[in-house]
Amino acid sequence: MKAYIVLLRPFTLLAPAIGIMSGSFVAWGVGYHEFHDPQWWILCKVLLGGFTGAILNGASNAINQIYDYEIDCINKPQRPLPSGKVSMRSAWIISVVLYVASLLIAFALSYEFAIMVFIAAFCTIIYSVPPLRTKRYWWSATLTIVIPRGLLMKVAGWGVLLPIWYTEAWYIGLIFGLFLLGATSTKDYADMEGDKRNNCITLPIAFGVKKSALMIAPSFIVPFLLFPLGVYLKVLHGNPLLLIFLGVSMCIWGSYVVYLILKDPHSLTTTENHPSWRHMYMMMVYAQVVLGVAYFI
């Protein structure tokens, strides 16, 4: 059982769950007076939306490890599939069941939410599965991560409760998409050896460790300037003080992460979970929680 749990990489399930729920809380705050359902039922829909994001990410993790088997045999032989603790057949069953379950729940909640989940599921599949396997090239890999896990995640959460054609939803999605545009590459540095052998041209392989570190640095700071800008332009309608605080605190935190990266870029290649990757993940969760609170209050 432990091996199956490890296959799903439970720590990574937290961000999409919180991300979708955060988007739903934003929509709840914006459309509070438009809802006629009991609040307990709205909360149930929000929680189910978060659960959908988590199991979709679990399905994605499983299928990614199936098609990364040869790479993981080099980079991460302790993982469930290379170590033989989980069979390839079992991994396939888990992945398919979770993909189907996420789509069924999404359709039960809202057809607009279901559209976002379907697009996200499609992106996670083409990221790993040949012949497209967008993971092979840094630019296509970046797009197929940024679109579902950054831009569309907030819009999907919004779509649980409200129509998705609100400028505000896409503006917020843009902020998180720009953050992931560079931040997701922090995971590629530790995998360079296996990626090279399997012809996956990631950002650090394409541009070198030092230059690619400089390329991703702005993504930890610049996107969060859009929070105070959105308040000023009246695009964002959450608590203005909390939104400004979120933008400023994320810029400060991001500056520290940039310092960790640039002071010794080559240390990114020596460990699977470099401090910059852990900070990136915690930044994502923190921003989503504070954003949801800023609208819900």
C-alpha atoms as a PDB file:
ATOM      1  CA  MET A   1       0.000   0.000   0.000  1.00  0.00           C
ATOM      2  CA  LYS A   2       2.841   2.376   0.815  1.00  0.00           C
ATOM      3  CA  ALA A   3       4.319   1.827  -2.653  1.00  0.00           C
ATOM      4  CA  TYR A   4       1.003   2.690  -4.321  1.00  0.00           C
ATOM      5  CA  ILE A   5       0.760   5.866  -2.261  1.00  0.00           C
ATOM      6  CA  VAL A   6       4.333   6.796  -3.202  1.00  0.00           C
ATOM      7  CA  LEU A   7       3.435   6.220  -6.879  1.00  0.00           C
ATOM      8  CA  LEU A   8       0.799   8.962  -6.616  1.00  0.00           C
ATOM      9  CA  ARG A   9       3.336  11.300  -4.952  1.00  0.00           C
ATOM     10  CA  PRO A  10       0.875  12.529  -2.300  1.00  0.00           C
ATOM     11  CA  PHE A  11       2.811  15.694  -1.475  1.00  0.00           C
ATOM     12  CA  THR A  12       2.218  16.968  -5.021  1.00  0.00           C
ATOM     13  CA  LEU A  13      -1.556  16.433  -4.720  1.00  0.00           C
ATOM     14  CA  LEU A  14      -1.900  19.264  -2.223  1.00  0.00           C
ATOM     15  CA  ALA A  15      -1.221  22.179  -4.599  1.00  0.00           C
ATOM     16  CA  PRO A  16      -3.880  21.320  -7.240  1.00  0.00           C
ATOM     17  CA  ALA A  17      -6.475  20.568  -4.558  1.00  0.00           C
ATOM     18  CA  ILE A  18      -5.853  23.849  -2.766  1.00  0.00           C
ATOM     19  CA  GLY A  19      -5.494  25.660  -6.093  1.00  0.00           C
ATOM     20  CA  ILE A  20      -8.939  24.643  -7.329  1.00  0.00           C
ATOM     21  CA  MET A  21     -10.558  25.284  -3.941  1.00  0.00           C
ATOM     22  CA  SER A  22      -8.865  28.682  -3.832  1.00  0.00           C
ATOM     23  CA  GLY A  23     -10.331  29.517  -7.249  1.00  0.00           C
ATOM     24  CA  SER A  24     -13.751  28.422  -5.994  1.00  0.00           C
ATOM     25  CA  PHE A  25     -13.482  30.601  -2.886  1.00  0.00           C
ATOM     26  CA  VAL A  26     -12.576  33.530  -5.138  1.00  0.00           C
ATOM     27  CA  ALA A  27     -15.724  32.898  -7.202  1.00  0.00           C
ATOM     28  CA  TRP A  28     -17.765  32.446  -4.019  1.00  0.00           C
ATOM     29  CA  GLY A  29     -16.601  35.845  -2.797  1.00  0.00           C
ATOM     30  CA  VAL A  30     -17.302  37.550  -6.133  1.00  0.00           C
ATOM     31  CA  GLY A  31     -20.746  35.987  -6.697  1.00  0.00           C
ATOM     32  CA  TYR A  32     -21.870  35.672  -3.090  1.00  0.00           C
ATOM     33  CA  HIS A  33     -25.223  37.392  -3.647  1.00  0.00           C
ATOM     34  CA  GLU A  34     -25.972  35.344  -6.776  1.00  0.00           C
ATOM     35  CA  PHE A  35     -25.996  31.961  -5.029  1.00  0.00           C
ATOM     36  CA  HIS A  36     -29.307  30.530  -3.854  1.00  0.00           C
ATOM     37  CA  ASP A  37     -28.096  27.087  -2.766  1.00  0.00           C
ATOM     38  CA  PRO A  38     -27.443  26.406   0.927  1.00  0.00           C
ATOM     39  CA  GLN A  39     -23.901  27.319   1.953  1.00  0.00           C
ATOM     40  CA  TRP A  40     -23.163  23.759   3.095  1.00  0.00           C
ATOM     41  CA  TRP A  41     -23.930  22.521  -0.432  1.00  0.00           C
ATOM     42  CA  ILE A  42     -21.685  25.169  -2.002  1.00  0.00           C
ATOM     43  CA  LEU A  43     -18.900  24.123   0.378  1.00  0.00           C
ATOM     44  CA  CYS A  44     -19.399  20.469  -0.645  1.00  0.00           C
ATOM     45  CA  LYS A  45     -18.988  21.454  -4.307  1.00  0.00           C
ATOM     46  CA  VAL A  46     -15.802  23.357  -3.479  1.00  0.00           C
ATOM     47  CA  LEU A  47     -14.364  20.355  -1.610  1.00  0.00           C
ATOM     48  CA  LEU A  48     -15.317  17.983  -4.442  1.00  0.00           C
ATOM     49  CA  GLY A  49     -13.631  20.323  -6.911  1.00  0.00           C
ATOM     50  CA  GLY A  50     -10.452  20.193  -4.842  1.00  0.00           C
ATOM     51  CA  PHE A  51     -10.661  16.404  -4.637  1.00  0.00           C
ATOM     52  CA  THR A  52     -11.022  16.270  -8.433  1.00  0.00           C
ATOM     53  CA  GLY A  53      -7.822  18.284  -8.845  1.00  0.00           C
ATOM     54  CA  ALA A  54      -5.962  15.975  -6.474  1.00  0.00           C
ATOM     55  CA  ILE A  55      -6.953  12.699  -8.155  1.00  0.00           C
ATOM     56  CA  LEU A  56      -6.322  14.153 -11.625  1.00  0.00           C
ATOM     57  CA  ASN A  57      -2.813  15.032 -10.491  1.00  0.00           C
ATOM     58  CA  GLY A  58      -2.430  11.506  -9.083  1.00  0.00           C
ATOM     59  CA  ALA A  59      -3.435  10.063 -12.468  1.00  0.00           C
ATOM     60  CA  SER A  60      -0.918  12.342 -14.152  1.00  0.00           C
ATOM     61  CA  ASN A  61       1.847  11.293 -11.749  1.00  0.00           C
ATOM     62  CA  ALA A  62       1.180   7.619 -12.420  1.00  0.00           C
ATOM     63  CA  ILE A  63       1.168   7.887 -16.219  1.00  0.00           C
ATOM     64  CA  ASN A  64       4.255  10.088 -16.142  1.00  0.00           C
ATOM     65  CA  GLN A  65       6.171   7.441 -14.206  1.00  0.00           C
ATOM     66  CA  ILE A  66       4.991   4.750 -16.623  1.00  0.00           C
ATOM     67  CA  TYR A  67       6.503   6.567 -19.596  1.00  0.00           C
ATOM     68  CA  ASP A  68       9.505   7.810 -17.609  1.00  0.00           C
ATOM     69  CA  TYR A  69      10.433   4.285 -16.535  1.00  0.00           C
ATOM     70  CA  GLU A  70      13.792   4.244 -18.338  1.00  0.00           C
ATOM     71  CA  ILE A  71      14.659   7.754 -17.123  1.00  0.00           C
ATOM     72  CA  ASP A  72      13.726   6.885 -13.528  1.00  0.00           C
ATOM     73  CA  CYS A  73      15.853   3.747 -13.674  1.00  0.00           C
ATOM     74  CA  ILE A  74      18.804   6.158 -13.981  1.00  0.00           C
ATOM     75  CA  ASN A  75      17.660   9.190 -11.967  1.00  0.00           C
ATOM     76  CA  LYS A  76      15.338   7.707  -9.333  1.00  0.00           C
ATOM     77  CA  PRO A  77      15.738   3.899  -9.105  1.00  0.00           C
ATOM     78  CA  GLN A  78      14.066   3.904  -5.680  1.00  0.00           C
ATOM     79  CA  ARG A  79      10.687   4.877  -7.147  1.00  0.00           C
ATOM     80  CA  PRO A  80       7.911   2.214  -7.131  1.00  0.00           C
ATOM     81  CA  LEU A  81       8.131   1.180 -10.801  1.00  0.00           C
ATOM     82  CA  PRO A  82      11.949   0.951 -11.246  1.00  0.00           C
ATOM     83  CA  SER A  83      12.264  -0.783  -7.872  1.00  0.00           C
ATOM     84  CA  GLY A  84       9.585  -3.326  -8.811  1.00  0.00           C
ATOM     85  CA  LYS A  85       7.348  -2.508  -5.832  1.00  0.00           C
ATOM     86  CA  VAL A  86       4.490  -1.644  -8.202  1.00  0.00           C
ATOM     87  CA  SER A  87       3.850  -3.459 -11.483  1.00  0.00           C
ATOM     88  CA  MET A  88       3.354  -1.614 -14.752  1.00  0.00           C
ATOM     89  CA  ARG A  89      -0.148  -3.133 -15.040  1.00  0.00           C
ATOM     90  CA  SER A  90      -1.146  -1.817 -11.611  1.00  0.00           C
ATOM     91  CA  ALA A  91       0.164   1.646 -12.456  1.00  0.00           C
ATOM     92  CA  TRP A  92      -1.933   1.666 -15.644  1.00  0.00           C
ATOM     93  CA  ILE A  93      -5.076   0.626 -13.775  1.00  0.00           C
ATOM     94  CA  ILE A  94      -4.585   3.319 -11.132  1.00  0.00           C
ATOM     95  CA  SER A  95      -3.962   6.006 -13.728  1.00  0.00           C
ATOM     96  CA  VAL A  96      -7.000   5.144 -15.888  1.00  0.00           C
ATOM     97  CA  VAL A  97      -9.348   4.839 -12.898  1.00  0.00           C
ATOM     98  CA  LEU A  98      -8.278   8.210 -11.524  1.00  0.00           C
ATOM     99  CA  TYR A  99      -8.573   9.933 -14.911  1.00  0.00           C
ATOM    100  CA  VAL A 100     -12.103   8.584 -15.402  1.00  0.00           C
ATOM    101  CA  ALA A 101     -13.133   9.418 -11.814  1.00  0.00           C
ATOM    102  CA  SER A 102     -11.873  12.998 -12.113  1.00  0.00           C
ATOM    103  CA  LEU A 103     -13.851  13.575 -15.322  1.00  0.00           C
ATOM    104  CA  LEU A 104     -17.053  12.032 -13.919  1.00  0.00           C
ATOM    105  CA  ILE A 105     -16.942  14.153 -10.777  1.00  0.00           C
ATOM    106  CA  ALA A 106     -16.170  17.252 -12.841  1.00  0.00           C
ATOM    107  CA  PHE A 107     -19.181  16.713 -15.106  1.00  0.00           C
ATOM    108  CA  ALA A 108     -21.383  16.181 -12.049  1.00  0.00           C
ATOM    109  CA  LEU A 109     -20.308  19.549 -10.611  1.00  0.00           C
ATOM    110  CA  SER A 110     -20.358  21.840 -13.662  1.00  0.00           C
ATOM    111  CA  TYR A 111     -19.915  21.432 -17.394  1.00  0.00           C
ATOM    112  CA  GLU A 112     -17.571  24.442 -17.470  1.00  0.00           C
ATOM    113  CA  PHE A 113     -15.459  22.911 -14.718  1.00  0.00           C
ATOM    114  CA  ALA A 114     -15.522  19.653 -16.687  1.00  0.00           C
ATOM    115  CA  ILE A 115     -14.186  21.425 -19.799  1.00  0.00           C
ATOM    116  CA  MET A 116     -11.236  22.779 -17.788  1.00  0.00           C
ATOM    117  CA  VAL A 117     -10.568  19.346 -16.254  1.00  0.00           C
ATOM    118  CA  PHE A 118     -10.718  17.685 -19.677  1.00  0.00           C
ATOM    119  CA  ILE A 119      -8.200  20.164 -21.126  1.00  0.00           C
ATOM    120  CA  ALA A 120      -5.942  19.687 -18.100  1.00  0.00           C
ATOM    121  CA  ALA A 121      -6.166  15.895 -18.405  1.00  0.00           C
ATOM    122  CA  PHE A 122      -5.332  16.092 -22.125  1.00  0.00           C
ATOM    123  CA  CYS A 123      -2.277  18.254 -21.387  1.00  0.00           C
ATOM    124  CA  THR A 124      -0.995  15.825 -18.742  1.00  0.00           C
ATOM    125  CA  ILE A 125      -1.374  12.915 -21.162  1.00  0.00           C
ATOM    126  CA  ILE A 126       0.417  14.513 -24.121  1.00  0.00           C
ATOM    127  CA  TYR A 127       3.173  15.624 -21.726  1.00  0.00           C
ATOM    128  CA  SER A 128       4.142  11.984 -21.116  1.00  0.00           C
ATOM    129  CA  VAL A 129       2.677   9.815 -23.881  1.00  0.00           C
ATOM    130  CA  PRO A 130       4.224   9.360 -27.355  1.00  0.00           C
ATOM    131  CA  PRO A 131       4.038  10.342 -30.144  1.00  0.00           C
ATOM    132  CA  LEU A 132       3.594  13.912 -28.885  1.00  0.00           C
ATOM    133  CA  ARG A 133       5.377  13.500 -25.519  1.00  0.00           C
ATOM    134  CA  THR A 134       5.851  17.232 -25.107  1.00  0.00           C
ATOM    135  CA  LYS A 135       8.274  16.563 -22.253  1.00  0.00           C
ATOM    136  CA  ARG A 136      10.989  15.986 -24.883  1.00  0.00           C
ATOM    137  CA  TYR A 137      11.423  19.713 -25.578  1.00  0.00           C
ATOM    138  CA  TRP A 138      11.724  22.425 -22.950  1.00  0.00           C
ATOM    139  CA  TRP A 139       9.293  24.843 -24.621  1.00  0.00           C
ATOM    140  CA  SER A 140       6.500  22.312 -25.199  1.00  0.00           C
ATOM    141  CA  ALA A 141       7.013  20.795 -21.753  1.00  0.00           C
ATOM    142  CA  THR A 142       6.710  24.249 -20.181  1.00  0.00           C
ATOM    143  CA  LEU A 143       3.473  25.023 -22.033  1.00  0.00           C
ATOM    144  CA  THR A 144       1.814  21.723 -21.112  1.00  0.00           C
ATOM    145  CA  ILE A 145       2.633  22.335 -17.439  1.00  0.00           C
ATOM    146  CA  VAL A 146       1.845  26.048 -17.290  1.00  0.00           C
ATOM    147  CA  ILE A 147      -1.551  25.779 -19.026  1.00  0.00           C
ATOM    148  CA  PRO A 148      -3.245  23.146 -16.812  1.00  0.00           C
ATOM    149  CA  ARG A 149      -1.422  23.728 -13.503  1.00  0.00           C
ATOM    150  CA  GLY A 150      -1.124  27.490 -13.684  1.00  0.00           C
ATOM    151  CA  LEU A 151      -3.527  29.313 -15.976  1.00  0.00           C
ATOM    152  CA  LEU A 152      -6.456  26.873 -16.023  1.00  0.00           C
ATOM    153  CA  MET A 153      -6.325  25.754 -12.398  1.00  0.00           C
ATOM    154  CA  LYS A 154      -7.768  29.009 -11.066  1.00  0.00           C
ATOM    155  CA  VAL A 155     -10.273  29.209 -13.916  1.00  0.00           C
ATOM    156  CA  ALA A 156     -11.325  25.619 -13.215  1.00  0.00           C
ATOM    157  CA  GLY A 157     -11.911  26.391  -9.540  1.00  0.00           C
ATOM    158  CA  TRP A 158     -13.924  29.448 -10.551  1.00  0.00           C
ATOM    159  CA  GLY A 159     -15.956  27.272 -12.945  1.00  0.00           C
ATOM    160  CA  VAL A 160     -17.171  25.052 -10.109  1.00  0.00           C
ATOM    161  CA  LEU A 161     -19.471  27.898  -9.007  1.00  0.00           C
ATOM    162  CA  LEU A 162     -19.575  30.579 -11.723  1.00  0.00           C
ATOM    163  CA  PRO A 163     -19.311  30.876 -15.525  1.00  0.00           C
ATOM    164  CA  ILE A 164     -15.658  31.017 -16.536  1.00  0.00           C
ATOM    165  CA  TRP A 165     -15.917  34.021 -18.869  1.00  0.00           C
ATOM    166  CA  TYR A 166     -14.942  36.552 -16.230  1.00  0.00           C
ATOM    167  CA  THR A 167     -11.804  38.653 -16.844  1.00  0.00           C
ATOM    168  CA  GLU A 168     -10.925  38.350 -13.166  1.00  0.00           C
ATOM    169  CA  ALA A 169     -10.634  34.551 -13.297  1.00  0.00           C
ATOM    170  CA  TRP A 170      -8.239  34.638 -16.257  1.00  0.00           C
ATOM    171  CA  TYR A 171      -6.204  37.493 -14.774  1.00  0.00           C
ATOM    172  CA  ILE A 172      -5.605  35.457 -11.620  1.00  0.00           C
ATOM    173  CA  GLY A 173      -4.826  32.382 -13.731  1.00  0.00           C
ATOM    174  CA  LEU A 174      -2.284  34.450 -15.676  1.00  0.00           C
ATOM    175  CA  ILE A 175      -0.410  35.323 -12.472  1.00  0.00           C
ATOM    176  CA  PHE A 176       0.022  31.685 -11.495  1.00  0.00           C
ATOM    177  CA  GLY A 177       0.810  30.675 -15.070  1.00  0.00           C
ATOM    178  CA  LEU A 178       3.637  33.211 -15.288  1.00  0.00           C
ATOM    179  CA  PHE A 179       4.985  31.961 -11.968  1.00  0.00           C
ATOM    180  CA  LEU A 180       5.087  28.356 -13.195  1.00  0.00           C
ATOM    181  CA  LEU A 181       6.577  29.460 -16.525  1.00  0.00           C
ATOM    182  CA  GLY A 182       9.983  29.447 -14.878  1.00  0.00           C
ATOM    183  CA  ALA A 183       9.439  27.830 -11.513  1.00  0.00           C
ATOM    184  CA  THR A 184       8.551  24.378 -12.858  1.00  0.00           C
ATOM    185  CA  SER A 185      12.010  24.018 -14.388  1.00  0.00           C
ATOM    186  CA  THR A 186      13.608  23.790 -10.928  1.00  0.00           C
ATOM    187  CA  LYS A 187      12.728  20.084 -11.023  1.00  0.00           C
ATOM    188  CA  ASP A 188      14.629  19.458 -14.282  1.00  0.00           C
ATOM    189  CA  TYR A 189      18.127  20.110 -12.989  1.00  0.00           C
ATOM    190  CA  ALA A 190      18.399  16.950 -10.885  1.00  0.00           C
ATOM    191  CA  ASP A 191      17.166  14.836 -13.834  1.00  0.00           C
ATOM    192  CA  MET A 192      19.666  16.029 -16.426  1.00  0.00           C
ATOM    193  CA  GLU A 193      21.612  12.764 -16.771  1.00  0.00           C
ATOM    194  CA  GLY A 194      18.581  10.574 -17.404  1.00  0.00           C
ATOM    195  CA  ASP A 195      16.919  13.204 -19.606  1.00  0.00           C
ATOM    196  CA  LYS A 196      20.016  13.447 -21.832  1.00  0.00           C
ATOM    197  CA  ARG A 197      20.134   9.683 -22.336  1.00  0.00           C
ATOM    198  CA  ASN A 198      16.470   9.641 -23.314  1.00  0.00           C
ATOM    199  CA  ASN A 199      16.589  12.676 -25.624  1.00  0.00           C
ATOM    200  CA  CYS A 200      14.540  15.003 -23.401  1.00  0.00           C
ATOM    201  CA  ILE A 201      15.869  18.504 -24.058  1.00  0.00           C
ATOM    202  CA  THR A 202      14.900  20.320 -20.856  1.00  0.00           C
ATOM    203  CA  LEU A 203      15.711  23.964 -20.157  1.00  0.00           C
ATOM    204  CA  PRO A 204      19.020  23.335 -18.313  1.00  0.00           C
ATOM    205  CA  ILE A 205      20.140  20.926 -21.043  1.00  0.00           C
ATOM    206  CA  ALA A 206      19.239  23.378 -23.815  1.00  0.00           C
ATOM    207  CA  PHE A 207      20.808  26.482 -22.276  1.00  0.00           C
ATOM    208  CA  GLY A 208      23.164  25.225 -19.590  1.00  0.00           C
ATOM    209  CA  VAL A 209      22.770  25.361 -15.829  1.00  0.00           C
ATOM    210  CA  LYS A 210      23.863  28.956 -15.197  1.00  0.00           C
ATOM    211  CA  LYS A 211      22.065  30.616 -18.114  1.00  0.00           C
ATOM    212  CA  SER A 212      18.821  28.702 -17.531  1.00  0.00           C
ATOM    213  CA  ALA A 213      18.915  29.664 -13.830  1.00  0.00           C
ATOM    214  CA  LEU A 214      19.039  33.323 -14.877  1.00  0.00           C
ATOM    215  CA  MET A 215      16.153  32.710 -17.299  1.00  0.00           C
ATOM    216  CA  ILE A 216      13.805  31.294 -14.655  1.00  0.00           C
ATOM    217  CA  ALA A 217      14.667  33.834 -11.932  1.00  0.00           C
ATOM    218  CA  PRO A 218      12.141  36.563 -12.964  1.00  0.00           C
ATOM    219  CA  SER A 219       9.230  34.092 -12.636  1.00  0.00           C
ATOM    220  CA  PHE A 220       9.702  34.043  -8.873  1.00  0.00           C
ATOM    221  CA  ILE A 221       9.133  37.806  -8.566  1.00  0.00           C
ATOM    222  CA  VAL A 222       7.549  39.585 -11.559  1.00  0.00           C
ATOM    223  CA  PRO A 223       4.159  37.766 -11.697  1.00  0.00           C
ATOM    224  CA  PHE A 224       3.263  38.792  -8.157  1.00  0.00           C
ATOM    225  CA  LEU A 225       3.501  42.481  -9.008  1.00  0.00           C
ATOM    226  CA  LEU A 226       0.218  41.856 -10.838  1.00  0.00           C
ATOM    227  CA  PHE A 227      -1.627  41.528  -7.512  1.00  0.00           C
ATOM    228  CA  PRO A 228      -1.211  45.176  -6.456  1.00  0.00           C
ATOM    229  CA  LEU A 229      -1.558  46.229 -10.109  1.00  0.00           C
ATOM    230  CA  GLY A 230      -4.856  44.335 -10.328  1.00  0.00           C
ATOM    231  CA  VAL A 231      -6.106  46.123  -7.211  1.00  0.00           C
ATOM    232  CA  TYR A 232      -5.107  49.489  -8.686  1.00  0.00           C
ATOM    233  CA  LEU A 233      -6.804  48.715 -12.027  1.00  0.00           C
ATOM    234  CA  LYS A 234      -9.885  47.358 -10.192  1.00  0.00           C
ATOM    235  CA  VAL A 235      -9.558  44.024 -11.976  1.00  0.00           C
ATOM    236  CA  LEU A 236      -9.292  42.217  -8.637  1.00  0.00           C
ATOM    237  CA  HIS A 237     -12.167  42.596  -6.177  1.00  0.00           C
ATOM    238  CA  GLY A 238     -10.907  40.780  -3.101  1.00  0.00           C
ATOM    239  CA  ASN A 239      -9.770  42.487   0.095  1.00  0.00           C
ATOM    240  CA  PRO A 240      -7.349  45.107  -1.320  1.00  0.00           C
ATOM    241  CA  LEU A 241      -4.997  45.226   1.684  1.00  0.00           C
ATOM    242  CA  LEU A 242      -4.656  41.443   1.760  1.00  0.00           C
ATOM    243  CA  LEU A 243      -4.071  41.258  -2.002  1.00  0.00           C
ATOM    244  CA  ILE A 244      -1.362  43.920  -1.814  1.00  0.00           C
ATOM    245  CA  PHE A 245       0.192  42.096   1.150  1.00  0.00           C
ATOM    246  CA  LEU A 246       0.127  38.876  -0.879  1.00  0.00           C
ATOM    247  CA  GLY A 247       1.903  40.508  -3.812  1.00  0.00           C
ATOM    248  CA  VAL A 248       4.588  42.125  -1.650  1.00  0.00           C
ATOM    249  CA  SER A 249       5.220  39.037   0.507  1.00  0.00           C
ATOM    250  CA  MET A 250       5.491  36.803  -2.564  1.00  0.00           C
ATOM    251  CA  CYS A 251       7.996  39.184  -4.179  1.00  0.00           C
ATOM    252  CA  ILE A 252      10.129  39.107  -1.020  1.00  0.00           C
ATOM    253  CA  TRP A 253       9.909  35.321  -0.772  1.00  0.00           C
ATOM    254  CA  GLY A 254      10.629  34.948  -4.478  1.00  0.00           C
ATOM    255  CA  SER A 255      13.693  37.180  -4.169  1.00  0.00           C
ATOM    256  CA  TYR A 256      15.060  34.852  -1.500  1.00  0.00           C
ATOM    257  CA  VAL A 257      14.493  31.819  -3.736  1.00  0.00           C
ATOM    258  CA  VAL A 258      16.277  33.587  -6.607  1.00  0.00           C
ATOM    259  CA  TYR A 259      19.194  34.192  -4.237  1.00  0.00           C
ATOM    260  CA  LEU A 260      19.294  30.463  -3.385  1.00  0.00           C
ATOM    261  CA  ILE A 261      19.313  29.570  -7.088  1.00  0.00           C
ATOM    262  CA  LEU A 262      21.848  32.089  -8.333  1.00  0.00           C
ATOM    263  CA  LYS A 263      24.372  31.819  -5.525  1.00  0.00           C
ATOM    264  CA  ASP A 264      25.179  28.262  -6.639  1.00  0.00           C
ATOM    265  CA  PRO A 265      23.217  27.174  -9.749  1.00  0.00           C
ATOM    266  CA  HIS A 266      25.084  23.876 -10.020  1.00  0.00           C
ATOM    267  CA  SER A 267      23.708  22.750  -6.636  1.00  0.00           C
ATOM    268  CA  LEU A 268      20.363  22.384  -8.428  1.00  0.00           C
ATOM    269  CA  THR A 269      21.780  19.315 -10.179  1.00  0.00           C
ATOM    270  CA  THR A 270      22.886  17.501  -7.020  1.00  0.00           C
ATOM    271  CA  THR A 271      19.580  16.746  -5.300  1.00  0.00           C
ATOM    272  CA  GLU A 272      16.074  15.750  -6.390  1.00  0.00           C
ATOM    273  CA  ASN A 273      14.321  18.224  -4.088  1.00  0.00           C
ATOM    274  CA  HIS A 274      16.550  21.293  -4.067  1.00  0.00           C
ATOM    275  CA  PRO A 275      15.460  23.993  -1.563  1.00  0.00           C
ATOM    276  CA  SER A 276      14.356  26.210  -4.466  1.00  0.00           C
ATOM    277  CA  TRP A 277      11.875  23.521  -5.626  1.00  0.00           C
ATOM    278  CA  ARG A 278      10.497  23.110  -2.104  1.00  0.00           C
ATOM    279  CA  HIS A 279      10.153  26.880  -1.765  1.00  0.00           C
ATOM    280  CA  MET A 280       8.447  27.054  -5.164  1.00  0.00           C
ATOM    281  CA  TYR A 281       5.890  24.487  -4.027  1.00  0.00           C
ATOM    282  CA  MET A 282       5.291  26.202  -0.679  1.00  0.00           C
ATOM    283  CA  MET A 283       4.974  29.571  -2.428  1.00  0.00           C
ATOM    284  CA  MET A 284       2.271  28.115  -4.656  1.00  0.00           C
ATOM    285  CA  VAL A 285       0.288  26.759  -1.700  1.00  0.00           C
ATOM    286  CA  TYR A 286       0.722  29.949   0.355  1.00  0.00           C
ATOM    287  CA  ALA A 287      -0.403  32.198  -2.506  1.00  0.00           C
ATOM    288  CA  GLN A 288      -3.479  30.075  -3.175  1.00  0.00           C
ATOM    289  CA  VAL A 289      -4.542  30.042   0.475  1.00  0.00           C
ATOM    290  CA  VAL A 290      -4.083  33.789   1.005  1.00  0.00           C
ATOM    291  CA  LEU A 291      -5.852  34.553  -2.291  1.00  0.00           C
ATOM    292  CA  GLY A 292      -8.853  32.450  -1.283  1.00  0.00           C
ATOM    293  CA  VAL A 293      -9.023  34.150   2.107  1.00  0.00           C
ATOM    294  CA  ALA A 294      -8.751  37.621   0.503  1.00  0.00           C
ATOM    295  CA  TYR A 295     -11.940  36.965  -1.448  1.00  0.00           C
ATOM    296  CA  PHE A 296     -13.845  34.858   1.032  1.00  0.00           C
ATOM    297  CA  ILE A 297     -13.702  37.475   3.797  1.00  0.00           C
END
